[in-house]
ModelCIF file with pLDDT and N, C-alpha, C, O atoms, coordinates in Angstrom:
data_MODEL
#
_entry.id   MODEL 
#
_entity.id                         1 
_entity.type                       polymer 
_entity.pdbx_number_of_molecules   1 
#
_entity_poly.entity_id                      1 
_entity_poly.type                           'polypeptide(L)' 
_entity_poly.nstd_linkage                   no 
_entity_poly.nstd_monomer                   no 
_entity_poly.pdbx_seq_one_letter_code       
;(UNK)(UNK)(UNK)(UNK)(UNK)(UNK)(UNK)(UNK)(UNK)(UNK)(UNK)(UNK)(UNK)(UNK)(UNK)(UNK)
(UNK)(UNK)(UNK)(UNK)(UNK)(UNK)(UNK)(UNK)(UNK)(UNK)(UNK)(UNK)(UNK)(UNK)(UNK)(UNK)
(UNK)(UNK)(UNK)(UNK)(UNK)(UNK)(UNK)(UNK)(UNK)(UNK)(UNK)(UNK)(UNK)(UNK)(UNK)
;
_entity_poly.pdbx_seq_one_letter_code_can   XXXXXXXXXXXXXXXXXXXXXXXXXXXXXXXXXXXXXXXXXXXXXXX 
_entity_poly.pdbx_strand_id                 A 
#
loop_
_entity_poly_seq.entity_id 
_entity_poly_seq.num 
_entity_poly_seq.mon_id 
_entity_poly_seq.hetero 
1 1  UNK n 
1 2  UNK n 
1 3  UNK n 
1 4  UNK n 
1 5  UNK n 
1 6  UNK n 
1 7  UNK n 
1 8  UNK n 
1 9  UNK n 
1 10 UNK n 
1 11 UNK n 
1 12 UNK n 
1 13 UNK n 
1 14 UNK n 
1 15 UNK n 
1 16 UNK n 
1 17 UNK n 
1 18 UNK n 
1 19 UNK n 
1 20 UNK n 
1 21 UNK n 
1 22 UNK n 
1 23 UNK n 
1 24 UNK n 
1 25 UNK n 
1 26 UNK n 
1 27 UNK n 
1 28 UNK n 
1 29 UNK n 
1 30 UNK n 
1 31 UNK n 
1 32 UNK n 
1 33 UNK n 
1 34 UNK n 
1 35 UNK n 
1 36 UNK n 
1 37 UNK n 
1 38 UNK n 
1 39 UNK n 
1 40 UNK n 
1 41 UNK n 
1 42 UNK n 
1 43 UNK n 
1 44 UNK n 
1 45 UNK n 
1 46 UNK n 
1 47 UNK n 
#
_struct_asym.id          A 
_struct_asym.entity_id   1 
#
loop_
_ma_qa_metric.id 
_ma_qa_metric.mode 
_ma_qa_metric.name 
_ma_qa_metric.software_group_id 
_ma_qa_metric.type 
1 global pLDDT . pLDDT 
2 local  pLDDT . pLDDT 
#
_ma_qa_metric_global.metric_id      1 
_ma_qa_metric_global.metric_value   65.04 
_ma_qa_metric_global.model_id       1 
_ma_qa_metric_global.ordinal_id     1 
#
loop_
_ma_qa_metric_local.label_asym_id 
_ma_qa_metric_local.label_comp_id 
_ma_qa_metric_local.label_seq_id 
_ma_qa_metric_local.metric_id 
_ma_qa_metric_local.metric_value 
_ma_qa_metric_local.model_id 
_ma_qa_metric_local.ordinal_id 
A UNK 1  2 76.00 1 1  
A UNK 2  2 73.00 1 2  
A UNK 3  2 72.00 1 3  
A UNK 4  2 75.00 1 4  
A UNK 5  2 72.00 1 5  
A UNK 6  2 70.00 1 6  
A UNK 7  2 71.00 1 7  
A UNK 8  2 71.00 1 8  
A UNK 9  2 67.00 1 9  
A UNK 10 2 65.00 1 10 
A UNK 11 2 70.00 1 11 
A UNK 12 2 71.00 1 12 
A UNK 13 2 69.00 1 13 
A UNK 14 2 69.00 1 14 
A UNK 15 2 69.00 1 15 
A UNK 16 2 72.00 1 16 
A UNK 17 2 66.00 1 17 
A UNK 18 2 71.00 1 18 
A UNK 19 2 66.00 1 19 
A UNK 20 2 65.00 1 20 
A UNK 21 2 68.00 1 21 
A UNK 22 2 64.00 1 22 
A UNK 23 2 64.00 1 23 
A UNK 24 2 65.00 1 24 
A UNK 25 2 63.00 1 25 
A UNK 26 2 60.00 1 26 
A UNK 27 2 61.00 1 27 
A UNK 28 2 65.00 1 28 
A UNK 29 2 65.00 1 29 
A UNK 30 2 66.00 1 30 
A UNK 31 2 66.00 1 31 
A UNK 32 2 68.00 1 32 
A UNK 33 2 68.00 1 33 
A UNK 34 2 64.00 1 34 
A UNK 35 2 69.00 1 35 
A UNK 36 2 65.00 1 36 
A UNK 37 2 63.00 1 37 
A UNK 38 2 61.00 1 38 
A UNK 39 2 61.00 1 39 
A UNK 40 2 57.00 1 40 
A UNK 41 2 57.00 1 41 
A UNK 42 2 54.00 1 42 
A UNK 43 2 53.00 1 43 
A UNK 44 2 53.00 1 44 
A UNK 45 2 51.00 1 45 
A UNK 46 2 54.00 1 46 
A UNK 47 2 52.00 1 47 
#
loop_
_atom_site.group_PDB 
_atom_site.id 
_atom_site.type_symbol 
_atom_site.label_atom_id 
_atom_site.label_alt_id 
_atom_site.label_comp_id 
_atom_site.label_asym_id 
_atom_site.label_entity_id 
_atom_site.label_seq_id 
_atom_site.pdbx_PDB_ins_code 
_atom_site.Cartn_x 
_atom_site.Cartn_y 
_atom_site.Cartn_z 
_atom_site.occupancy 
_atom_site.B_iso_or_equiv 
_atom_site.pdbx_formal_charge 
_atom_site.auth_seq_id 
_atom_site.auth_comp_id 
_atom_site.auth_asym_id 
_atom_site.auth_atom_id 
_atom_site.pdbx_PDB_model_num 
ATOM 1   N N  . UNK A 1 1  ? 0.831  -1.205 0.000   1.00 76.00 ? 1  UNK A N  1 
ATOM 2   C CA . UNK A 1 1  ? 0.000  0.000  0.000   1.00 76.00 ? 1  UNK A CA 1 
ATOM 3   C C  . UNK A 1 1  ? 0.864  1.253  0.000   1.00 76.00 ? 1  UNK A C  1 
ATOM 4   O O  . UNK A 1 1  ? 0.559  2.240  -0.669  1.00 76.00 ? 1  UNK A O  1 
ATOM 5   N N  . UNK A 1 2  ? 1.948  1.190  0.765   1.00 73.00 ? 2  UNK A N  1 
ATOM 6   C CA . UNK A 1 2  ? 2.868  2.321  0.795   1.00 73.00 ? 2  UNK A CA 1 
ATOM 7   C C  . UNK A 1 2  ? 3.501  2.526  -0.577  1.00 73.00 ? 2  UNK A C  1 
ATOM 8   O O  . UNK A 1 2  ? 3.644  3.654  -1.048  1.00 73.00 ? 2  UNK A O  1 
ATOM 9   N N  . UNK A 1 3  ? 3.876  1.420  -1.205  1.00 72.00 ? 3  UNK A N  1 
ATOM 10  C CA . UNK A 1 3  ? 4.472  1.486  -2.532  1.00 72.00 ? 3  UNK A CA 1 
ATOM 11  C C  . UNK A 1 3  ? 3.474  2.062  -3.540  1.00 72.00 ? 3  UNK A C  1 
ATOM 12  O O  . UNK A 1 3  ? 3.839  2.863  -4.401  1.00 72.00 ? 3  UNK A O  1 
ATOM 13  N N  . UNK A 1 4  ? 2.216  1.644  -3.422  1.00 75.00 ? 4  UNK A N  1 
ATOM 14  C CA . UNK A 1 4  ? 1.178  2.182  -4.316  1.00 75.00 ? 4  UNK A CA 1 
ATOM 15  C C  . UNK A 1 4  ? 1.013  3.680  -4.115  1.00 75.00 ? 4  UNK A C  1 
ATOM 16  O O  . UNK A 1 4  ? 0.835  4.434  -5.071  1.00 75.00 ? 4  UNK A O  1 
ATOM 17  N N  . UNK A 1 5  ? 1.076  4.100  -2.847  1.00 72.00 ? 5  UNK A N  1 
ATOM 18  C CA . UNK A 1 5  ? 0.936  5.526  -2.567  1.00 72.00 ? 5  UNK A CA 1 
ATOM 19  C C  . UNK A 1 5  ? 2.106  6.312  -3.156  1.00 72.00 ? 5  UNK A C  1 
ATOM 20  O O  . UNK A 1 5  ? 1.917  7.368  -3.759  1.00 72.00 ? 5  UNK A O  1 
ATOM 21  N N  . UNK A 1 6  ? 3.332  5.776  -2.970  1.00 70.00 ? 6  UNK A N  1 
ATOM 22  C CA . UNK A 1 6  ? 4.515  6.459  -3.512  1.00 70.00 ? 6  UNK A CA 1 
ATOM 23  C C  . UNK A 1 6  ? 4.422  6.533  -5.036  1.00 70.00 ? 6  UNK A C  1 
ATOM 24  O O  . UNK A 1 6  ? 4.695  7.573  -5.636  1.00 70.00 ? 6  UNK A O  1 
ATOM 25  N N  . UNK A 1 7  ? 4.024  5.394  -5.661  1.00 71.00 ? 7  UNK A N  1 
ATOM 26  C CA . UNK A 1 7  ? 3.878  5.390  -7.122  1.00 71.00 ? 7  UNK A CA 1 
ATOM 27  C C  . UNK A 1 7  ? 2.806  6.378  -7.576  1.00 71.00 ? 7  UNK A C  1 
ATOM 28  O O  . UNK A 1 7  ? 2.945  7.046  -8.601  1.00 71.00 ? 7  UNK A O  1 
ATOM 29  N N  . UNK A 1 8  ? 1.731  6.453  -6.787  1.00 71.00 ? 8  UNK A N  1 
ATOM 30  C CA . UNK A 1 8  ? 0.667  7.416  -7.107  1.00 71.00 ? 8  UNK A CA 1 
ATOM 31  C C  . UNK A 1 8  ? 1.195  8.842  -7.050  1.00 71.00 ? 8  UNK A C  1 
ATOM 32  O O  . UNK A 1 8  ? 0.904  9.671  -7.913  1.00 71.00 ? 8  UNK A O  1 
ATOM 33  N N  . UNK A 1 9  ? 1.997  9.110  -5.984  1.00 67.00 ? 9  UNK A N  1 
ATOM 34  C CA . UNK A 1 9  ? 2.561  10.465 -5.866  1.00 67.00 ? 9  UNK A CA 1 
ATOM 35  C C  . UNK A 1 9  ? 3.526  10.767 -7.006  1.00 67.00 ? 9  UNK A C  1 
ATOM 36  O O  . UNK A 1 9  ? 3.535  11.869 -7.554  1.00 67.00 ? 9  UNK A O  1 
ATOM 37  N N  . UNK A 1 10 ? 4.352  9.753  -7.362  1.00 65.00 ? 10 UNK A N  1 
ATOM 38  C CA . UNK A 1 10 ? 5.307  9.947  -8.468  1.00 65.00 ? 10 UNK A CA 1 
ATOM 39  C C  . UNK A 1 10 ? 4.552  10.203 -9.768  1.00 65.00 ? 10 UNK A C  1 
ATOM 40  O O  . UNK A 1 10 ? 4.885  11.114 -10.526 1.00 65.00 ? 10 UNK A O  1 
ATOM 41  N N  . UNK A 1 11 ? 3.519  9.377  -10.016 1.00 70.00 ? 11 UNK A N  1 
ATOM 42  C CA . UNK A 1 11 ? 2.741  9.523  -11.244 1.00 70.00 ? 11 UNK A CA 1 
ATOM 43  C C  . UNK A 1 11 ? 2.003  10.858 -11.265 1.00 70.00 ? 11 UNK A C  1 
ATOM 44  O O  . UNK A 1 11 ? 1.910  11.515 -12.301 1.00 70.00 ? 11 UNK A O  1 
ATOM 45  N N  . UNK A 1 12 ? 1.479  11.246 -10.102 1.00 71.00 ? 12 UNK A N  1 
ATOM 46  C CA . UNK A 1 12 ? 0.767  12.523 -10.020 1.00 71.00 ? 12 UNK A CA 1 
ATOM 47  C C  . UNK A 1 12 ? 1.698  13.680 -10.316 1.00 71.00 ? 12 UNK A C  1 
ATOM 48  O O  . UNK A 1 12 ? 1.339  14.623 -11.020 1.00 71.00 ? 12 UNK A O  1 
ATOM 49  N N  . UNK A 1 13 ? 2.907  13.593 -9.766  1.00 69.00 ? 13 UNK A N  1 
ATOM 50  C CA . UNK A 1 13 ? 3.880  14.663 -9.993  1.00 69.00 ? 13 UNK A CA 1 
ATOM 51  C C  . UNK A 1 13 ? 4.264  14.737 -11.465 1.00 69.00 ? 13 UNK A C  1 
ATOM 52  O O  . UNK A 1 13 ? 4.387  15.817 -12.043 1.00 69.00 ? 13 UNK A O  1 
ATOM 53  N N  . UNK A 1 14 ? 4.455  13.523 -12.070 1.00 69.00 ? 14 UNK A N  1 
ATOM 54  C CA . UNK A 1 14 ? 4.819  13.485 -13.482 1.00 69.00 ? 14 UNK A CA 1 
ATOM 55  C C  . UNK A 1 14 ? 3.675  14.044 -14.348 1.00 69.00 ? 14 UNK A C  1 
ATOM 56  O O  . UNK A 1 14 ? 3.914  14.798 -15.291 1.00 69.00 ? 14 UNK A O  1 
ATOM 57  N N  . UNK A 1 15 ? 2.454  13.671 -14.021 1.00 69.00 ? 15 UNK A N  1 
ATOM 58  C CA . UNK A 1 15 ? 1.295  14.156 -14.784 1.00 69.00 ? 15 UNK A CA 1 
ATOM 59  C C  . UNK A 1 15 ? 1.128  15.663 -14.647 1.00 69.00 ? 15 UNK A C  1 
ATOM 60  O O  . UNK A 1 15 ? 0.764  16.360 -15.594 1.00 69.00 ? 15 UNK A O  1 
ATOM 61  N N  . UNK A 1 16 ? 1.411  16.152 -13.414 1.00 72.00 ? 16 UNK A N  1 
ATOM 62  C CA . UNK A 1 16 ? 1.308  17.600 -13.209 1.00 72.00 ? 16 UNK A CA 1 
ATOM 63  C C  . UNK A 1 16 ? 2.341  18.334 -14.057 1.00 72.00 ? 16 UNK A C  1 
ATOM 64  O O  . UNK A 1 16 ? 2.063  19.384 -14.635 1.00 72.00 ? 16 UNK A O  1 
ATOM 65  N N  . UNK A 1 17 ? 3.544  17.754 -14.117 1.00 66.00 ? 17 UNK A N  1 
ATOM 66  C CA . UNK A 1 17 ? 4.589  18.392 -14.932 1.00 66.00 ? 17 UNK A CA 1 
ATOM 67  C C  . UNK A 1 17 ? 4.222  18.364 -16.413 1.00 66.00 ? 17 UNK A C  1 
ATOM 68  O O  . UNK A 1 17 ? 4.403  19.352 -17.124 1.00 66.00 ? 17 UNK A O  1 
ATOM 69  N N  . UNK A 1 18 ? 3.701  17.217 -16.875 1.00 71.00 ? 18 UNK A N  1 
ATOM 70  C CA . UNK A 1 18 ? 3.284  17.111 -18.276 1.00 71.00 ? 18 UNK A CA 1 
ATOM 71  C C  . UNK A 1 18 ? 2.120  18.052 -18.567 1.00 71.00 ? 18 UNK A C  1 
ATOM 72  O O  . UNK A 1 18 ? 2.062  18.670 -19.630 1.00 71.00 ? 18 UNK A O  1 
ATOM 73  N N  . UNK A 1 19 ? 1.202  18.156 -17.623 1.00 66.00 ? 19 UNK A N  1 
ATOM 74  C CA . UNK A 1 19 ? 0.057  19.040 -17.794 1.00 66.00 ? 19 UNK A CA 1 
ATOM 75  C C  . UNK A 1 19 ? 0.508  20.490 -17.907 1.00 66.00 ? 19 UNK A C  1 
ATOM 76  O O  . UNK A 1 19 ? -0.038 21.270 -18.688 1.00 66.00 ? 19 UNK A O  1 
ATOM 77  N N  . UNK A 1 20 ? 1.517  20.836 -17.109 1.00 65.00 ? 20 UNK A N  1 
ATOM 78  C CA . UNK A 1 20 ? 2.050  22.208 -17.178 1.00 65.00 ? 20 UNK A CA 1 
ATOM 79  C C  . UNK A 1 20 ? 2.670  22.472 -18.537 1.00 65.00 ? 20 UNK A C  1 
ATOM 80  O O  . UNK A 1 20 ? 2.505  23.544 -19.119 1.00 65.00 ? 20 UNK A O  1 
ATOM 81  N N  . UNK A 1 21 ? 3.399  21.458 -19.038 1.00 68.00 ? 21 UNK A N  1 
ATOM 82  C CA . UNK A 1 21 ? 4.007  21.614 -20.363 1.00 68.00 ? 21 UNK A CA 1 
ATOM 83  C C  . UNK A 1 21 ? 2.938  21.735 -21.442 1.00 68.00 ? 21 UNK A C  1 
ATOM 84  O O  . UNK A 1 21 ? 3.062  22.534 -22.370 1.00 68.00 ? 21 UNK A O  1 
ATOM 85  N N  . UNK A 1 22 ? 1.889  20.931 -21.306 1.00 64.00 ? 22 UNK A N  1 
ATOM 86  C CA . UNK A 1 22 ? 0.788  20.982 -22.287 1.00 64.00 ? 22 UNK A CA 1 
ATOM 87  C C  . UNK A 1 22 ? 0.121  22.358 -22.278 1.00 64.00 ? 22 UNK A C  1 
ATOM 88  O O  . UNK A 1 22 ? -0.193 22.921 -23.327 1.00 64.00 ? 22 UNK A O  1 
ATOM 89  N N  . UNK A 1 23 ? -0.084 22.876 -21.087 1.00 64.00 ? 23 UNK A N  1 
ATOM 90  C CA . UNK A 1 23 ? -0.735 24.189 -20.977 1.00 64.00 ? 23 UNK A CA 1 
ATOM 91  C C  . UNK A 1 23 ? 0.153  25.284 -21.562 1.00 64.00 ? 23 UNK A C  1 
ATOM 92  O O  . UNK A 1 23 ? -0.312 26.218 -22.214 1.00 64.00 ? 23 UNK A O  1 
ATOM 93  N N  . UNK A 1 24 ? 1.454  25.128 -21.301 1.00 65.00 ? 24 UNK A N  1 
ATOM 94  C CA . UNK A 1 24 ? 2.376  26.121 -21.854 1.00 65.00 ? 24 UNK A CA 1 
ATOM 95  C C  . UNK A 1 24 ? 2.361  26.066 -23.385 1.00 65.00 ? 24 UNK A C  1 
ATOM 96  O O  . UNK A 1 24 ? 2.361  27.092 -24.064 1.00 65.00 ? 24 UNK A O  1 
ATOM 97  N N  . UNK A 1 25 ? 2.348  24.843 -23.899 1.00 63.00 ? 25 UNK A N  1 
ATOM 98  C CA . UNK A 1 25 ? 2.299  24.686 -25.360 1.00 63.00 ? 25 UNK A CA 1 
ATOM 99  C C  . UNK A 1 25 ? 1.017  25.246 -25.943 1.00 63.00 ? 25 UNK A C  1 
ATOM 100 O O  . UNK A 1 25 ? 1.030  25.900 -26.986 1.00 63.00 ? 25 UNK A O  1 
ATOM 101 N N  . UNK A 1 26 ? -0.101 24.985 -25.256 1.00 60.00 ? 26 UNK A N  1 
ATOM 102 C CA . UNK A 1 26 ? -1.399 25.489 -25.707 1.00 60.00 ? 26 UNK A CA 1 
ATOM 103 C C  . UNK A 1 26 ? -1.414 27.009 -25.686 1.00 60.00 ? 26 UNK A C  1 
ATOM 104 O O  . UNK A 1 26 ? -1.964 27.655 -26.578 1.00 60.00 ? 26 UNK A O  1 
ATOM 105 N N  . UNK A 1 27 ? -0.783 27.578 -24.621 1.00 61.00 ? 27 UNK A N  1 
ATOM 106 C CA . UNK A 1 27 ? -0.748 29.031 -24.475 1.00 61.00 ? 27 UNK A CA 1 
ATOM 107 C C  . UNK A 1 27 ? 0.071  29.674 -25.591 1.00 61.00 ? 27 UNK A C  1 
ATOM 108 O O  . UNK A 1 27 ? -0.278 30.740 -26.097 1.00 61.00 ? 27 UNK A O  1 
ATOM 109 N N  . UNK A 1 28 ? 1.181  29.002 -25.971 1.00 65.00 ? 28 UNK A N  1 
ATOM 110 C CA . UNK A 1 28 ? 2.103  29.598 -26.945 1.00 65.00 ? 28 UNK A CA 1 
ATOM 111 C C  . UNK A 1 28 ? 1.782  29.236 -28.395 1.00 65.00 ? 28 UNK A C  1 
ATOM 112 O O  . UNK A 1 28 ? 2.364  29.792 -29.326 1.00 65.00 ? 28 UNK A O  1 
ATOM 113 N N  . UNK A 1 29 ? 0.857  28.306 -28.575 1.00 65.00 ? 29 UNK A N  1 
ATOM 114 C CA . UNK A 1 29 ? 0.564  27.866 -29.944 1.00 65.00 ? 29 UNK A CA 1 
ATOM 115 C C  . UNK A 1 29 ? 0.020  29.008 -30.826 1.00 65.00 ? 29 UNK A C  1 
ATOM 116 O O  . UNK A 1 29 ? 0.554  29.236 -31.911 1.00 65.00 ? 29 UNK A O  1 
ATOM 117 N N  . UNK A 1 30 ? -1.025 29.727 -30.387 1.00 66.00 ? 30 UNK A N  1 
ATOM 118 C CA . UNK A 1 30 ? -1.537 30.811 -31.268 1.00 66.00 ? 30 UNK A CA 1 
ATOM 119 C C  . UNK A 1 30 ? -0.478 31.878 -31.565 1.00 66.00 ? 30 UNK A C  1 
ATOM 120 O O  . UNK A 1 30 ? -0.308 32.235 -32.731 1.00 66.00 ? 30 UNK A O  1 
ATOM 121 N N  . UNK A 1 31 ? 0.250  32.409 -30.554 1.00 66.00 ? 31 UNK A N  1 
ATOM 122 C CA . UNK A 1 31 ? 1.271  33.399 -30.883 1.00 66.00 ? 31 UNK A CA 1 
ATOM 123 C C  . UNK A 1 31 ? 2.345  32.849 -31.810 1.00 66.00 ? 31 UNK A C  1 
ATOM 124 O O  . UNK A 1 31 ? 2.868  33.561 -32.667 1.00 66.00 ? 31 UNK A O  1 
ATOM 125 N N  . UNK A 1 32 ? 2.680  31.521 -31.620 1.00 68.00 ? 32 UNK A N  1 
ATOM 126 C CA . UNK A 1 32 ? 3.712  30.921 -32.476 1.00 68.00 ? 32 UNK A CA 1 
ATOM 127 C C  . UNK A 1 32 ? 3.248  30.883 -33.931 1.00 68.00 ? 32 UNK A C  1 
ATOM 128 O O  . UNK A 1 32 ? 4.026  31.147 -34.847 1.00 68.00 ? 32 UNK A O  1 
ATOM 129 N N  . UNK A 1 33 ? 1.955  30.548 -34.136 1.00 68.00 ? 33 UNK A N  1 
ATOM 130 C CA . UNK A 1 33 ? 1.412  30.492 -35.491 1.00 68.00 ? 33 UNK A CA 1 
ATOM 131 C C  . UNK A 1 33 ? 1.413  31.881 -36.131 1.00 68.00 ? 33 UNK A C  1 
ATOM 132 O O  . UNK A 1 33 ? 1.800  32.042 -37.288 1.00 68.00 ? 33 UNK A O  1 
ATOM 133 N N  . UNK A 1 34 ? 0.977  32.873 -35.367 1.00 64.00 ? 34 UNK A N  1 
ATOM 134 C CA . UNK A 1 34 ? 0.953  34.250 -35.885 1.00 64.00 ? 34 UNK A CA 1 
ATOM 135 C C  . UNK A 1 34 ? 2.367  34.724 -36.174 1.00 64.00 ? 34 UNK A C  1 
ATOM 136 O O  . UNK A 1 34 ? 2.626  35.338 -37.209 1.00 64.00 ? 34 UNK A O  1 
ATOM 137 N N  . UNK A 1 35 ? 3.283  34.436 -35.250 1.00 69.00 ? 35 UNK A N  1 
ATOM 138 C CA . UNK A 1 35 ? 4.673  34.868 -35.449 1.00 69.00 ? 35 UNK A CA 1 
ATOM 139 C C  . UNK A 1 35 ? 5.271  34.208 -36.671 1.00 69.00 ? 35 UNK A C  1 
ATOM 140 O O  . UNK A 1 35 ? 6.065  34.814 -37.391 1.00 69.00 ? 35 UNK A O  1 
ATOM 141 N N  . UNK A 1 36 ? 4.875  32.925 -36.912 1.00 65.00 ? 36 UNK A N  1 
ATOM 142 C CA . UNK A 1 36 ? 5.389  32.218 -38.087 1.00 65.00 ? 36 UNK A CA 1 
ATOM 143 C C  . UNK A 1 36 ? 4.944  32.870 -39.371 1.00 65.00 ? 36 UNK A C  1 
ATOM 144 O O  . UNK A 1 36 ? 5.729  33.020 -40.307 1.00 65.00 ? 36 UNK A O  1 
ATOM 145 N N  . UNK A 1 37 ? 3.666  33.265 -39.418 1.00 63.00 ? 37 UNK A N  1 
ATOM 146 C CA . UNK A 1 37 ? 3.138  33.906 -40.630 1.00 63.00 ? 37 UNK A CA 1 
ATOM 147 C C  . UNK A 1 37 ? 3.825  35.247 -40.847 1.00 63.00 ? 37 UNK A C  1 
ATOM 148 O O  . UNK A 1 37 ? 4.192  35.607 -41.966 1.00 63.00 ? 37 UNK A O  1 
ATOM 149 N N  . UNK A 1 38 ? 3.990  35.983 -39.733 1.00 61.00 ? 38 UNK A N  1 
ATOM 150 C CA . UNK A 1 38 ? 4.668  37.275 -39.851 1.00 61.00 ? 38 UNK A CA 1 
ATOM 151 C C  . UNK A 1 38 ? 6.102  37.091 -40.315 1.00 61.00 ? 38 UNK A C  1 
ATOM 152 O O  . UNK A 1 38 ? 6.615  37.890 -41.099 1.00 61.00 ? 38 UNK A O  1 
ATOM 153 N N  . UNK A 1 39 ? 6.741  36.052 -39.838 1.00 61.00 ? 39 UNK A N  1 
ATOM 154 C CA . UNK A 1 39 ? 8.137  35.813 -40.211 1.00 61.00 ? 39 UNK A CA 1 
ATOM 155 C C  . UNK A 1 39 ? 8.286  35.508 -41.680 1.00 61.00 ? 39 UNK A C  1 
ATOM 156 O O  . UNK A 1 39 ? 9.279  35.910 -42.286 1.00 61.00 ? 39 UNK A O  1 
ATOM 157 N N  . UNK A 1 40 ? 7.328  34.804 -42.282 1.00 57.00 ? 40 UNK A N  1 
ATOM 158 C CA . UNK A 1 40 ? 7.398  34.465 -43.704 1.00 57.00 ? 40 UNK A CA 1 
ATOM 159 C C  . UNK A 1 40 ? 7.261  35.703 -44.587 1.00 57.00 ? 40 UNK A C  1 
ATOM 160 O O  . UNK A 1 40 ? 7.702  35.701 -45.736 1.00 57.00 ? 40 UNK A O  1 
ATOM 161 N N  . UNK A 1 41 ? 6.632  36.794 -44.033 1.00 57.00 ? 41 UNK A N  1 
ATOM 162 C CA . UNK A 1 41 ? 6.381  37.988 -44.844 1.00 57.00 ? 41 UNK A CA 1 
ATOM 163 C C  . UNK A 1 41 ? 7.236  39.170 -44.411 1.00 57.00 ? 41 UNK A C  1 
ATOM 164 O O  . UNK A 1 41 ? 6.915  40.318 -44.716 1.00 57.00 ? 41 UNK A O  1 
ATOM 165 N N  . UNK A 1 42 ? 8.314  38.892 -43.708 1.00 54.00 ? 42 UNK A N  1 
ATOM 166 C CA . UNK A 1 42 ? 9.114  39.997 -43.189 1.00 54.00 ? 42 UNK A CA 1 
ATOM 167 C C  . UNK A 1 42 ? 9.715  40.852 -44.307 1.00 54.00 ? 42 UNK A C  1 
ATOM 168 O O  . UNK A 1 42 ? 9.944  42.047 -44.120 1.00 54.00 ? 42 UNK A O  1 
ATOM 169 N N  . UNK A 1 43 ? 9.972  40.241 -45.471 1.00 53.00 ? 43 UNK A N  1 
ATOM 170 C CA . UNK A 1 43 ? 10.550 41.002 -46.600 1.00 53.00 ? 43 UNK A CA 1 
ATOM 171 C C  . UNK A 1 43 ? 9.551  41.989 -47.181 1.00 53.00 ? 43 UNK A C  1 
ATOM 172 O O  . UNK A 1 43 ? 9.907  43.102 -47.571 1.00 53.00 ? 43 UNK A O  1 
ATOM 173 N N  . UNK A 1 44 ? 8.286  41.558 -47.231 1.00 53.00 ? 44 UNK A N  1 
ATOM 174 C CA . UNK A 1 44 ? 7.247  42.440 -47.762 1.00 53.00 ? 44 UNK A CA 1 
ATOM 175 C C  . UNK A 1 44 ? 6.961  43.591 -46.814 1.00 53.00 ? 44 UNK A C  1 
ATOM 176 O O  . UNK A 1 44 ? 6.622  44.696 -47.239 1.00 53.00 ? 44 UNK A O  1 
ATOM 177 N N  . UNK A 1 45 ? 7.105  43.312 -45.502 1.00 51.00 ? 45 UNK A N  1 
ATOM 178 C CA . UNK A 1 45 ? 6.856  44.373 -44.529 1.00 51.00 ? 45 UNK A CA 1 
ATOM 179 C C  . UNK A 1 45 ? 7.857  45.504 -44.679 1.00 51.00 ? 45 UNK A C  1 
ATOM 180 O O  . UNK A 1 45 ? 7.543  46.665 -44.417 1.00 51.00 ? 45 UNK A O  1 
ATOM 181 N N  . UNK A 1 46 ? 9.047  45.161 -45.097 1.00 54.00 ? 46 UNK A N  1 
ATOM 182 C CA . UNK A 1 46 ? 10.081 46.196 -45.248 1.00 54.00 ? 46 UNK A CA 1 
ATOM 183 C C  . UNK A 1 46 ? 9.719  47.170 -46.378 1.00 54.00 ? 46 UNK A C  1 
ATOM 184 O O  . UNK A 1 46 ? 10.158 48.320 -46.369 1.00 54.00 ? 46 UNK A O  1 
ATOM 185 N N  . UNK A 1 47 ? 8.900  46.701 -47.375 1.00 52.00 ? 47 UNK A N  1 
ATOM 186 C CA . UNK A 1 47 ? 8.595  47.534 -48.529 1.00 52.00 ? 47 UNK A CA 1 
ATOM 187 C C  . UNK A 1 47 ? 7.347  48.388 -48.340 1.00 52.00 ? 47 UNK A C  1 
ATOM 188 O O  . UNK A 1 47 ? 6.972  49.141 -49.239 1.00 52.00 ? 47 UNK A O  1 
#
């Protein structure tokens, strides 16, 4: 039971870390897409 609890805590911690990464990725996805489009047209912006 103790081992199950420790494994649960380890898994919970790992899931929390992955969830944080997922949220960060979700947060940065729209700006990344917009920045990508802007980057492709940087030459036209200069004109």
